[in-house]
Protein backbone atom coordinates (compact mmCIF):
# COMPACT_ATOMS: atom_id res chain seq x y z
CA MET A 1 35.29 -15.27 -90.84
CA THR A 2 37.06 -12.15 -89.96
CA PHE A 3 39.45 -11.77 -86.95
CA ARG A 4 37.04 -9.70 -85.09
CA ASN A 5 34.26 -12.17 -85.44
CA ARG A 6 36.35 -15.06 -84.46
CA PHE A 7 37.33 -13.25 -81.28
CA ALA A 8 33.87 -12.36 -80.33
CA ALA A 9 32.69 -15.97 -80.85
CA THR A 10 35.67 -17.26 -78.81
CA PHE A 11 34.75 -14.90 -76.08
CA ILE A 12 31.08 -15.85 -75.98
CA VAL A 13 31.95 -19.66 -75.98
CA ALA A 14 34.33 -18.81 -72.92
CA LEU A 15 31.48 -17.12 -71.11
CA LEU A 16 29.17 -20.06 -71.49
CA LEU A 17 31.73 -22.51 -70.21
CA LEU A 18 32.35 -20.37 -67.19
CA ALA A 19 28.65 -19.68 -66.36
CA PRO A 20 28.04 -22.85 -64.29
CA THR A 21 31.17 -22.26 -62.22
CA ILE A 22 30.17 -18.69 -61.43
CA VAL A 23 26.37 -19.73 -60.59
CA LYS A 24 27.67 -22.62 -58.44
CA SER A 25 30.03 -20.18 -56.59
CA GLN A 26 27.22 -17.57 -56.07
CA ALA A 27 25.00 -20.48 -54.77
CA GLN A 28 27.60 -21.47 -52.18
CA LYS A 29 27.94 -18.11 -50.75
CA LYS A 30 25.98 -17.96 -47.40
CA PRO A 31 24.33 -14.72 -46.18
CA PRO A 32 26.26 -13.12 -43.19
CA ALA A 33 25.19 -14.70 -39.94
CA LYS A 34 22.90 -12.62 -37.93
CA SER A 35 24.14 -12.12 -34.35
CA ALA A 36 21.62 -13.04 -31.80
CA PRO A 37 19.87 -10.15 -30.05
CA THR A 38 21.70 -9.08 -26.78
CA GLN A 39 19.65 -10.50 -23.77
CA LYS A 40 19.19 -7.84 -21.12
CA LYS A 41 19.24 -9.23 -17.66
CA PRO A 42 15.97 -8.23 -15.71
CA GLN A 43 16.86 -5.52 -13.28
CA VAL A 44 15.80 -6.07 -9.74
CA GLN A 45 14.31 -3.01 -8.36
CA THR A 46 16.39 -1.51 -5.46
CA VAL A 47 14.66 -0.64 -2.07
CA SER A 48 14.96 3.00 -1.09
CA GLY A 49 13.01 5.40 0.80
CA THR A 50 11.28 5.76 4.29
CA ALA A 51 9.43 2.38 5.32
CA ILE A 52 6.23 2.97 7.33
CA PHE A 53 4.89 0.19 9.47
CA ALA A 54 1.75 -0.80 11.53
CA VAL A 55 2.38 -1.45 15.21
CA SER A 56 -0.31 -3.61 16.60
CA LYS A 57 -1.00 -5.70 19.62
CA LEU A 58 -1.98 -9.26 18.99
CA GLU A 59 -3.19 -10.94 22.29
CA ASN A 60 -0.13 -10.18 24.54
CA GLU A 61 2.36 -9.85 21.64
CA VAL A 62 3.33 -6.63 19.70
CA THR A 63 3.68 -7.05 15.95
CA LEU A 64 5.18 -5.11 13.10
CA ASP A 65 3.97 -5.17 9.52
CA PRO A 66 5.44 -2.92 6.69
CA ILE A 67 2.64 -0.75 5.10
CA VAL A 68 4.43 1.27 2.45
CA ILE A 69 7.81 2.41 1.30
CA PHE A 70 7.67 6.24 0.53
CA ASN A 71 10.18 7.47 -1.87
CA LYS A 72 10.17 10.93 -3.57
CA GLY A 73 6.26 11.19 -3.59
CA LEU A 74 5.78 7.59 -4.64
CA TYR A 75 4.00 5.04 -2.51
CA ILE A 76 5.81 1.71 -3.06
CA ASN A 77 4.22 -1.69 -1.97
CA PRO A 78 6.67 -3.56 0.15
CA LEU A 79 5.06 -6.84 -0.81
CA PRO A 80 4.53 -6.78 -4.43
CA ASP A 81 3.17 -10.05 -6.09
CA GLU A 82 5.63 -12.42 -7.50
CA ASN A 83 8.65 -10.35 -6.55
CA GLU A 84 10.45 -12.31 -3.79
CA PRO A 85 13.78 -10.64 -4.38
CA PHE A 86 12.31 -7.21 -3.65
CA VAL A 87 10.50 -8.65 -0.54
CA LYS A 88 13.84 -10.08 0.76
CA GLN A 89 15.56 -6.73 0.24
CA VAL A 90 12.71 -5.00 2.20
CA ALA A 91 13.20 -7.64 5.00
CA SER A 92 17.09 -7.13 4.92
CA LYS A 93 16.95 -3.39 4.84
CA TYR A 94 14.09 -2.60 7.13
CA MET A 95 13.18 -5.61 9.37
CA ARG A 96 16.50 -7.08 10.61
CA THR A 97 16.30 -8.64 14.02
CA GLY A 98 17.28 -5.92 16.67
CA GLN A 99 16.56 -3.11 14.35
CA LYS A 100 15.08 -0.29 15.78
CA HIS A 101 12.40 2.28 14.39
CA ARG A 102 10.69 5.52 15.79
CA VAL A 103 7.07 4.99 16.87
CA ILE A 104 4.48 7.59 15.78
CA PHE A 105 1.19 8.16 17.58
CA GLY A 106 -1.17 10.90 16.96
CA GLY A 107 1.33 12.14 14.14
CA ALA A 108 4.04 12.64 16.79
CA GLU A 109 7.08 10.68 18.00
CA ALA A 110 6.05 8.33 20.83
CA GLY A 111 9.09 6.05 21.48
CA THR A 112 10.70 3.23 19.61
CA VAL A 113 9.95 -0.23 18.54
CA THR A 114 12.60 -3.12 18.05
CA VAL A 115 12.23 -5.86 15.46
CA LYS A 116 12.18 -9.32 17.05
CA GLN A 117 11.21 -12.37 15.16
CA ARG A 118 9.48 -12.95 11.90
CA PHE A 119 6.35 -15.20 11.92
CA GLU A 120 7.45 -17.84 9.33
CA SER A 121 3.99 -19.29 9.18
CA GLU A 122 2.49 -15.88 8.25
CA ILE A 123 1.98 -14.58 4.86
CA GLY A 124 4.05 -11.37 4.41
CA LEU A 125 6.70 -9.92 6.88
CA THR A 126 4.78 -9.82 10.25
CA THR A 127 7.39 -9.88 12.95
CA THR A 128 7.08 -9.78 16.71
CA ALA A 129 8.56 -6.70 18.23
CA ALA A 130 9.45 -4.93 21.63
CA LEU A 131 7.70 -1.74 22.15
CA GLN A 132 9.39 1.18 24.10
CA SER A 133 6.76 3.63 24.68
CA SER A 134 4.24 4.99 26.98
CA ILE A 135 1.41 4.51 24.57
CA LYS A 136 -1.09 1.63 25.23
CA LEU A 137 -2.10 -0.49 22.35
CA SER A 138 -5.25 -2.71 22.13
CA ASP A 139 -7.22 -4.44 19.40
CA GLU A 140 -8.75 -0.92 18.39
CA VAL A 141 -5.62 1.22 19.19
CA LYS A 142 -2.62 0.87 16.82
CA ALA A 143 0.42 3.14 16.10
CA LEU A 144 2.89 3.60 13.14
CA ALA A 145 6.61 3.19 13.02
CA VAL A 146 9.02 4.77 10.60
CA SER A 147 12.43 4.17 9.49
CA SER A 148 12.93 8.01 9.07
CA GLU A 149 14.76 10.12 11.63
CA THR A 150 12.79 13.29 10.84
CA LEU A 151 9.05 12.18 10.15
CA GLY A 152 6.47 13.09 12.91
CA GLY A 153 5.61 16.14 14.69
CA LYS A 154 6.31 17.08 18.38
CA GLN A 155 2.80 16.97 19.59
CA ASN A 156 0.33 14.35 19.69
CA SER A 157 -3.03 15.38 18.79
CA ARG A 158 -4.86 12.03 19.13
CA ARG A 159 -7.27 11.54 22.02
CA ALA A 160 -10.69 9.89 22.88
CA PRO A 161 -13.64 12.06 21.86
CA THR A 162 -15.49 14.10 24.33
CA LEU A 163 -19.11 13.30 24.99
CA GLU A 164 -20.28 15.80 22.58
CA GLU A 165 -17.86 14.70 19.86
CA ARG A 166 -19.11 11.21 20.31
CA THR A 167 -22.71 12.10 20.01
CA ALA A 168 -22.06 14.13 16.81
CA MET A 169 -20.15 11.19 15.32
CA MET A 170 -23.04 8.72 16.29
CA ASN A 171 -25.51 11.02 14.63
CA LEU A 172 -23.58 11.33 11.63
CA MET A 173 -23.20 7.38 11.55
CA ASN A 174 -26.87 6.86 11.96
CA ALA A 175 -27.55 9.29 9.09
CA THR A 176 -25.10 7.65 6.84
CA TYR A 177 -26.46 4.23 7.35
CA LYS A 178 -29.89 5.53 6.75
CA GLN A 179 -28.76 6.89 3.51
CA LYS A 180 -27.44 3.45 2.50
CA LYS A 181 -30.75 1.96 3.17
CA VAL A 182 -29.83 -0.01 6.16
CA PRO A 183 -33.01 -0.97 7.98
CA ALA A 184 -33.59 0.35 11.54
CA THR A 185 -33.83 -3.26 12.85
CA LEU A 186 -30.10 -3.74 11.75
CA LEU A 187 -29.05 -0.27 12.88
CA ALA A 188 -30.04 -1.03 16.31
CA LYS A 189 -27.27 -3.82 16.32
CA VAL A 190 -24.34 -1.37 15.31
CA LYS A 191 -21.13 -2.00 16.83
CA THR A 192 -18.66 0.84 17.32
CA ASN A 193 -15.21 -0.33 16.94
CA ASN A 194 -13.52 3.04 17.61
CA ILE A 195 -13.93 6.73 17.45
CA THR A 196 -10.90 8.94 17.46
CA ALA A 197 -10.44 12.68 17.94
CA ILE A 198 -7.52 14.13 16.14
CA ASP A 199 -6.31 17.30 14.58
CA LEU A 200 -5.28 16.51 11.03
CA ASP A 201 -4.04 19.81 9.66
CA GLY A 202 -3.14 21.66 12.60
CA ASP A 203 -5.74 24.31 12.44
CA GLY A 204 -7.11 23.78 16.09
CA LYS A 205 -10.25 22.03 14.76
CA THR A 206 -10.64 18.44 15.81
CA GLU A 207 -11.51 15.80 13.09
CA LEU A 208 -13.17 12.72 14.13
CA ILE A 209 -12.49 9.13 12.64
CA GLY A 210 -14.92 6.27 13.37
CA SER A 211 -15.35 2.78 12.38
CA PHE A 212 -18.55 0.86 12.72
CA GLU A 213 -19.85 -2.67 11.98
CA ILE A 214 -23.29 -4.39 11.56
CA SER A 215 -23.75 -8.11 11.08
CA ASP A 216 -26.92 -10.09 11.11
CA GLN A 217 -27.76 -13.73 11.94
CA ASN A 218 -26.60 -14.81 8.39
CA GLN A 219 -23.16 -13.38 8.89
CA ASN A 220 -24.07 -10.58 6.35
CA SER A 221 -22.13 -7.28 7.25
CA GLN A 222 -22.52 -3.50 6.58
CA ASN A 223 -19.53 -1.76 7.65
CA LEU A 224 -18.64 1.92 7.63
CA PHE A 225 -15.55 4.02 8.15
CA LEU A 226 -15.87 7.76 8.52
CA ILE A 227 -13.61 10.91 8.61
CA ALA A 228 -15.85 13.74 9.84
CA GLU A 229 -14.89 17.51 9.82
CA LEU A 230 -16.12 20.39 11.70
CA LYS A 231 -17.81 22.98 9.34
CA ASN A 232 -20.08 25.72 10.43
CA ASN A 233 -19.98 24.36 13.97
CA GLN A 234 -21.36 21.10 12.78
CA TYR A 235 -19.62 17.81 12.06
CA GLN A 236 -19.95 16.58 8.47
CA SER A 237 -18.78 13.63 6.52
CA GLY A 238 -15.31 14.36 4.96
CA LEU A 239 -14.84 10.76 3.80
CA THR A 240 -17.42 7.82 3.75
CA TRP A 241 -16.39 4.34 3.07
CA PHE A 242 -19.24 1.67 3.12
CA LYS A 243 -19.07 -1.86 2.49
CA ARG A 244 -21.98 -4.44 2.27
CA GLY A 245 -20.98 -8.10 1.87
CA GLY A 246 -21.50 -11.69 3.21
CA GLU A 247 -19.09 -13.79 5.29
CA SER A 248 -16.74 -14.63 2.60
CA ASP A 249 -16.61 -11.19 1.08
CA SER A 250 -16.88 -8.87 4.22
CA GLU A 251 -14.58 -6.00 4.73
CA VAL A 252 -13.96 -3.93 7.82
CA ARG A 253 -11.90 -0.84 7.72
CA ARG A 254 -10.24 0.68 10.83
CA LEU A 255 -7.89 3.44 11.85
CA ILE A 256 -4.22 2.82 12.46
CA ASP A 257 -2.96 6.32 12.86
CA VAL A 258 -2.18 9.62 11.13
CA LEU A 259 1.17 11.06 9.79
CA ASP A 260 2.09 13.88 7.56
CA ILE A 261 4.63 12.00 5.23
CA ASP A 262 4.72 14.47 2.27
CA GLY A 263 5.28 17.58 4.19
CA ASP A 264 2.11 19.34 3.21
CA SER A 265 0.97 20.12 6.74
CA VAL A 266 -1.97 17.74 6.41
CA ALA A 267 -1.64 14.46 7.79
CA GLU A 268 -2.46 11.25 5.88
CA VAL A 269 -4.70 8.64 7.37
CA PHE A 270 -3.51 5.19 7.62
CA ALA A 271 -6.35 2.58 7.83
CA THR A 272 -6.19 -1.35 7.84
CA THR A 273 -8.86 -3.42 6.08
CA SER A 274 -9.77 -6.78 7.19
CA TYR A 275 -11.04 -9.46 4.77
CA TYR A 276 -12.14 -13.02 5.19
CA GLU A 277 -8.68 -14.35 5.67
CA SER A 278 -6.34 -11.58 5.27
CA THR A 279 -5.58 -7.99 5.91
CA ASP A 280 -4.10 -4.99 3.77
CA PHE A 281 -3.63 -1.04 4.20
CA THR A 282 -5.22 2.01 2.70
CA ILE A 283 -3.66 5.52 2.90
CA TYR A 284 -6.00 8.34 2.52
CA LYS A 285 -4.72 11.93 1.49
CA LYS A 286 -6.58 15.07 1.27
CA VAL A 287 -6.02 16.37 -2.38
CA LYS A 288 -7.56 19.80 -3.39
CA GLY A 289 -9.91 19.62 -0.16
CA VAL A 290 -11.05 16.10 -0.95
CA TRP A 291 -10.14 13.05 0.94
CA ARG A 292 -8.95 10.29 -1.54
CA SER A 293 -7.36 6.95 -1.38
CA VAL A 294 -3.81 7.18 -2.64
CA TYR A 295 -2.62 3.82 -1.86
CA GLN A 296 -3.57 0.21 -1.08
CA GLY A 297 -1.17 -2.41 -0.52
CA GLY A 298 0.83 -4.48 1.96
CA PHE A 299 -0.63 -7.74 3.14
CA PHE A 300 -0.64 -10.34 5.79
CA GLY A 301 -2.62 -13.31 6.78
CA VAL A 302 -4.87 -13.84 9.81
């Protein structure tokens, strides 16, 4: 055997002897540990913007309920489901005992309201309040309050309708119920909750807002909410909301008040809707000449 052959054979034998060690060494090497993904802490939404409240009279007590927080064109629910930290922020920022807010009636400033005490047994953030204003609240006459120092006009355009305006609204109500195929026997039992005359866009023409209820002996209801506008010297429906239901699913919608919150010179219409065991809020806005619901939220038990 030549020297070259002996060297090659020796080299091969050496490799064969080292192979198990190399394989074992490779097997013992562990892949680099993967770092656990960074867990981002859930961010709590920060409360900011203008809070708008419903000012109501419950028996002999004035109450305050947050309707919405308006911030840069967004309508934010002050009582989002399962978000207790946010609700606590709302209470801390806007509803502290002794805190004062401006009252709005007919779209204009009409005094102040001071937060008193929260109803701990109630669902929501309902508080009692002290009203410093000449307006007279009742079951059907409510007002707004705002945390803003600037929102609201200088002239109140809200008033009771004239006899002619009331007649026009009643005629429109009757025609609407007939369109909804409500029998004449039930139509004769209609209850007028409220009819309000108000100028929503400052054009000198009065709009009418009305709320009506019909209930039968079986607690079935057929309820109506109307915004009527004067066109060609005749009142026509600008918005019609109609709800037919039984005792457990009835809904009644009523006016709270109006306020131009986005500066487009047309006041938004704020309404409250009462259900079987609760109440929430709706905001109507005129969008390209058509009244639309742009917000529904807030909540309190009854």
